């Protein structure tokens, strides 16, 4: 993998990760996913970074996995290498991650977008899980996250047929939070990221944890978890600053403490 296959840029409190393999439509090779997981973990530990944006160079977000690597793979090789374990590392990032999607987000590309906390899509974005068309199925969360995002029956149809769907459809179904003209995609994604980055970092991280927990547990357990996280924030300096600023009618200065 080239050192430039994944480009990191810091813009204030927001970091942008750009998948940079336009010659193969940003296909998600094993090396690229390993580097993406490692860089996300590094940014998660960086106190200066509050929000992360993932996007793709050229005309695509990511057109899928690198099929040239997978075509000859055997069951034994996949099991022994646990190739998809890197995706769990992406899922465990504590800071908010926004996918800025333009062009194709197919297969692994769609799964990567679904692994993020928010999706901002250009009007030309095309999503899909076409794995069935090449004799396999989604393996990096597609059958799980797409169901949670748009519902069982719609997801079942799309995954069983490999049909693609548009940004407009994805937004109508609740999967995409915002759409924008292609030329304004990063402007919209960065505006959203910067708005989140203004908030108290610890509160933001615990909100992400609590919302994700809502998808994984029953209501009673989720409410108990939310309550404990709420109480926990009263041990932070940012809670004191936020409420003091509110009472004094000024903007708070959050330090992530």
Protein backbone atom coordinates (compact mmCIF):
# COMPACT_ATOMS: atom_id res chain seq x y z
CA UNK A 1 0.00 0.00 0.00
CA UNK A 2 1.22 3.47 -0.85
CA UNK A 3 1.73 5.90 2.03
CA UNK A 4 -0.66 8.25 0.22
CA UNK A 5 -3.54 5.73 0.02
CA UNK A 6 -5.00 7.30 3.16
CA UNK A 7 -4.52 11.04 3.65
CA UNK A 8 -5.00 12.74 7.03
CA UNK A 9 -5.70 16.47 7.33
CA UNK A 10 -6.37 18.39 10.51
CA UNK A 11 -8.65 21.39 10.27
CA UNK A 12 -9.02 22.93 13.70
CA UNK A 13 -10.74 20.41 15.94
CA UNK A 14 -11.83 18.27 12.98
CA UNK A 15 -9.67 15.67 11.21
CA UNK A 16 -10.45 14.49 7.68
CA UNK A 17 -9.41 11.03 6.50
CA UNK A 18 -9.46 10.68 2.71
CA UNK A 19 -9.45 7.27 1.03
CA UNK A 20 -7.03 7.96 -1.81
CA UNK A 21 -7.05 5.07 -4.30
CA UNK A 22 -9.11 6.72 -7.07
CA UNK A 23 -7.53 4.48 -9.72
CA UNK A 24 -9.46 1.53 -8.20
CA UNK A 25 -12.44 3.57 -6.97
CA UNK A 26 -10.99 3.58 -3.44
CA UNK A 27 -11.36 -0.19 -3.10
CA UNK A 28 -10.91 -1.20 0.54
CA UNK A 29 -7.86 -3.42 0.51
CA UNK A 30 -6.79 -5.26 3.64
CA UNK A 31 -3.82 -2.89 4.02
CA UNK A 32 -6.02 0.18 3.62
CA UNK A 33 -8.46 -1.05 6.27
CA UNK A 34 -5.58 -1.78 8.66
CA UNK A 35 -4.21 1.73 8.12
CA UNK A 36 -7.68 3.27 8.49
CA UNK A 37 -8.27 1.48 11.80
CA UNK A 38 -4.84 2.53 13.10
CA UNK A 39 -5.25 6.18 12.09
CA UNK A 40 -8.75 6.34 13.57
CA UNK A 41 -7.38 4.98 16.86
CA UNK A 42 -4.59 7.57 16.82
CA UNK A 43 -7.09 10.38 16.26
CA UNK A 44 -9.30 8.96 18.99
CA UNK A 45 -6.38 9.43 21.41
CA UNK A 46 -5.55 12.95 20.14
CA UNK A 47 -7.02 15.46 22.60
CA UNK A 48 -6.96 18.20 19.94
CA UNK A 49 -9.34 16.25 17.68
CA UNK A 50 -13.04 16.22 18.53
CA UNK A 51 -14.71 14.97 15.33
CA UNK A 52 -13.50 12.81 12.42
CA UNK A 53 -14.71 12.93 8.81
CA UNK A 54 -14.09 10.08 6.35
CA UNK A 55 -14.40 10.74 2.62
CA UNK A 56 -13.09 9.44 -0.70
CA UNK A 57 -10.88 11.00 -3.35
CA UNK A 58 -12.00 11.24 -6.97
CA UNK A 59 -15.46 10.17 -8.07
CA UNK A 60 -16.16 7.59 -5.34
CA UNK A 61 -16.42 7.15 -1.61
CA UNK A 62 -15.48 3.46 -1.92
CA UNK A 63 -16.79 1.07 -4.55
CA UNK A 64 -16.31 -1.97 -2.32
CA UNK A 65 -13.74 -4.44 -1.12
CA UNK A 66 -10.65 -5.15 -3.19
CA UNK A 67 -11.99 -8.18 -5.09
CA UNK A 68 -8.55 -8.90 -6.56
CA UNK A 69 -7.45 -9.83 -3.02
CA UNK A 70 -10.55 -11.90 -2.23
CA UNK A 71 -11.14 -13.81 -5.45
CA UNK A 72 -8.68 -16.57 -4.61
CA UNK A 73 -9.15 -16.59 -0.84
CA UNK A 74 -9.94 -19.85 0.92
CA UNK A 75 -12.06 -20.52 3.98
CA UNK A 76 -8.96 -21.49 5.95
CA UNK A 77 -7.13 -18.28 4.98
CA UNK A 78 -10.05 -16.05 5.95
CA UNK A 79 -10.54 -17.79 9.29
CA UNK A 80 -6.86 -17.80 10.20
CA UNK A 81 -6.30 -14.15 9.24
CA UNK A 82 -9.64 -12.95 10.67
CA UNK A 83 -9.60 -10.36 7.90
CA UNK A 84 -12.72 -8.55 9.05
CA UNK A 85 -11.56 -8.00 12.66
CA UNK A 86 -10.26 -4.56 11.62
CA UNK A 87 -13.86 -3.41 11.20
CA UNK A 88 -14.45 -3.95 14.92
CA UNK A 89 -11.69 -1.45 15.62
CA UNK A 90 -13.53 1.11 13.49
CA UNK A 91 -16.75 0.44 15.41
CA UNK A 92 -15.05 1.07 18.76
CA UNK A 93 -13.92 4.64 18.01
CA UNK A 94 -15.30 6.88 20.78
CA UNK A 95 -15.38 10.20 18.95
CA UNK A 96 -18.09 11.03 16.40
CA UNK A 97 -17.24 9.90 12.88
CA UNK A 98 -19.00 11.42 9.85
CA UNK A 99 -19.02 9.79 6.41
CA UNK A 100 -18.98 12.33 3.56
CA UNK A 101 -20.14 10.23 0.63
CA UNK A 102 -19.96 11.10 -3.05
CA UNK A 103 -20.33 8.67 -5.95
CA UNK A 104 -20.35 4.96 -5.23
CA UNK A 105 -20.56 3.55 -1.71
CA UNK A 106 -21.05 -0.10 -2.55
CA UNK A 107 -20.37 -3.30 -0.62
CA UNK A 108 -17.63 -2.52 1.86
CA UNK A 109 -17.98 1.15 0.98
CA UNK A 110 -21.61 1.13 2.08
CA UNK A 111 -20.63 -0.82 5.20
CA UNK A 112 -17.94 1.74 6.02
CA UNK A 113 -20.46 4.58 5.70
CA UNK A 114 -22.88 2.65 7.93
CA UNK A 115 -20.08 2.17 10.48
CA UNK A 116 -19.92 5.94 10.89
CA UNK A 117 -22.18 7.88 13.23
CA UNK A 118 -23.60 10.25 10.61
CA UNK A 119 -23.75 10.19 6.82
CA UNK A 120 -23.71 13.33 4.69
CA UNK A 121 -24.23 12.41 1.04
CA UNK A 122 -23.76 14.23 -2.22
CA UNK A 123 -26.78 14.19 -4.50
CA UNK A 124 -24.89 11.83 -6.84
CA UNK A 125 -24.16 9.25 -4.12
CA UNK A 126 -25.18 5.66 -4.83
CA UNK A 127 -25.36 3.05 -2.08
CA UNK A 128 -25.77 -0.71 -2.21
CA UNK A 129 -24.80 -4.16 -0.94
CA UNK A 130 -24.21 -6.03 -4.21
CA UNK A 131 -22.28 -8.97 -2.73
CA UNK A 132 -24.96 -11.48 -3.72
CA UNK A 133 -24.22 -10.69 -7.38
CA UNK A 134 -20.75 -12.24 -7.00
CA UNK A 135 -21.87 -15.24 -4.97
CA UNK A 136 -21.27 -14.03 -1.41
CA UNK A 137 -22.93 -11.79 1.19
CA UNK A 138 -22.01 -8.70 3.21
CA UNK A 139 -19.43 -9.57 5.85
CA UNK A 140 -18.52 -6.25 7.48
CA UNK A 141 -21.89 -5.40 9.00
CA UNK A 142 -24.14 -4.87 5.99
CA UNK A 143 -26.82 -7.36 7.03
CA UNK A 144 -26.85 -5.88 10.55
CA UNK A 145 -26.43 -2.12 10.18
CA UNK A 146 -28.53 -1.65 7.05
CA UNK A 147 -31.45 -3.42 8.77
CA UNK A 148 -31.11 -1.10 11.76
CA UNK A 149 -30.88 1.95 9.50
CA UNK A 150 -33.79 1.34 7.11
CA UNK A 151 -35.77 -1.62 8.47
CA UNK A 152 -35.83 -5.37 7.83
CA UNK A 153 -38.02 -5.65 4.75
CA UNK A 154 -36.47 -2.90 2.68
CA UNK A 155 -32.96 -4.05 3.65
CA UNK A 156 -33.84 -7.67 2.87
CA UNK A 157 -34.93 -6.75 -0.66
CA UNK A 158 -31.84 -4.65 -1.33
CA UNK A 159 -29.36 -7.20 0.01
CA UNK A 160 -31.02 -10.21 -1.65
CA UNK A 161 -31.14 -8.51 -5.06
CA UNK A 162 -28.00 -6.39 -4.87
CA UNK A 163 -30.00 -3.35 -6.00
CA UNK A 164 -28.48 0.08 -5.61
CA UNK A 165 -30.25 3.04 -4.02
CA UNK A 166 -29.78 6.80 -4.24
CA UNK A 167 -28.86 9.44 -1.71
CA UNK A 168 -32.41 10.81 -1.91
CA UNK A 169 -33.84 7.36 -1.09
CA UNK A 170 -31.30 6.85 1.70
CA UNK A 171 -32.28 10.16 3.27
CA UNK A 172 -36.00 9.40 2.97
CA UNK A 173 -35.41 6.05 4.69
CA UNK A 174 -33.48 7.65 7.57
CA UNK A 175 -29.99 6.36 6.71
CA UNK A 176 -28.54 9.68 5.48
CA UNK A 177 -28.83 12.75 7.69
CA UNK A 178 -28.09 15.36 5.03
CA UNK A 179 -27.75 15.62 1.27
CA UNK A 180 -25.92 18.34 -0.64
CA UNK A 181 -24.84 19.20 -4.17
CA UNK A 182 -21.61 17.37 -4.94
CA UNK A 183 -19.56 20.57 -4.99
CA UNK A 184 -20.79 21.47 -1.50
CA UNK A 185 -20.45 18.02 0.11
CA UNK A 186 -17.34 18.73 2.18
CA UNK A 187 -18.63 22.18 3.11
CA UNK A 188 -21.78 20.57 4.57
CA UNK A 189 -19.88 17.74 6.25
CA UNK A 190 -17.38 20.14 7.80
CA UNK A 191 -20.14 22.49 8.99
CA UNK A 192 -21.79 19.56 10.78
CA UNK A 193 -18.45 18.38 12.19
CA UNK A 194 -17.55 21.86 13.44
CA UNK A 195 -20.96 22.27 15.07
CA UNK A 196 -20.43 19.02 16.99
CA UNK A 197 -16.82 19.96 17.79
CA UNK A 198 -18.05 23.06 19.66
CA UNK A 199 -19.83 20.90 22.23
CA UNK A 200 -18.39 19.37 25.42
CA UNK A 201 -16.20 16.49 24.19
CA UNK A 202 -16.95 14.08 27.04
CA UNK A 203 -20.69 14.68 26.72
CA UNK A 204 -20.46 14.09 22.96
CA UNK A 205 -18.62 10.80 23.44
CA UNK A 206 -21.07 9.55 26.04
CA UNK A 207 -24.04 10.55 23.86
CA UNK A 208 -22.55 8.46 21.05
CA UNK A 209 -22.12 5.52 23.42
CA UNK A 210 -25.66 5.84 24.73
CA UNK A 211 -27.32 6.16 21.30
CA UNK A 212 -25.41 3.13 20.02
CA UNK A 213 -26.45 1.18 23.09
CA UNK A 214 -30.09 1.88 22.18
CA UNK A 215 -29.65 -0.34 19.12
CA UNK A 216 -28.16 -3.20 21.10
CA UNK A 217 -30.32 -3.59 24.19
CA UNK A 218 -33.86 -3.43 25.60
CA UNK A 219 -35.41 -0.14 26.69
CA UNK A 220 -35.06 -0.68 30.45
CA UNK A 221 -31.37 -1.55 30.21
CA UNK A 222 -30.77 1.35 27.84
CA UNK A 223 -32.48 3.84 30.13
CA UNK A 224 -30.40 2.65 33.09
CA UNK A 225 -27.21 3.01 31.04
CA UNK A 226 -28.24 6.51 29.92
CA UNK A 227 -28.96 7.57 33.50
CA UNK A 228 -25.55 6.42 34.71
CA UNK A 229 -23.78 8.30 31.91
CA UNK A 230 -25.84 11.42 32.70
CA UNK A 231 -24.79 11.29 36.35
CA UNK A 232 -21.17 10.64 35.32
CA UNK A 233 -21.01 13.94 33.43
CA UNK A 234 -21.62 15.83 36.69
CA UNK A 235 -18.08 14.86 37.64
CA UNK A 236 -16.65 16.89 34.74
CA UNK A 237 -15.43 20.47 34.60
CA UNK A 238 -17.30 20.98 31.32
CA UNK A 239 -20.64 20.38 33.06
CA UNK A 240 -19.85 23.10 35.56
CA UNK A 241 -18.67 25.44 32.81
CA UNK A 242 -21.66 24.73 30.56
CA UNK A 243 -24.27 25.41 33.23
CA UNK A 244 -22.41 28.43 34.59
CA UNK A 245 -22.18 29.90 31.08
CA UNK A 246 -25.90 29.31 30.58
CA UNK A 247 -26.75 31.17 33.78
CA UNK A 248 -24.35 33.99 32.88
CA UNK A 249 -25.78 34.20 29.35
CA UNK A 250 -22.47 33.62 27.57
CA UNK A 251 -20.94 30.97 25.34
CA UNK A 252 -19.24 28.11 27.22
CA UNK A 253 -15.57 27.25 26.79
CA UNK A 254 -15.35 23.46 26.88
CA UNK A 255 -11.97 21.84 27.57
CA UNK A 256 -12.81 18.16 27.50
CA UNK A 257 -12.25 17.76 31.22
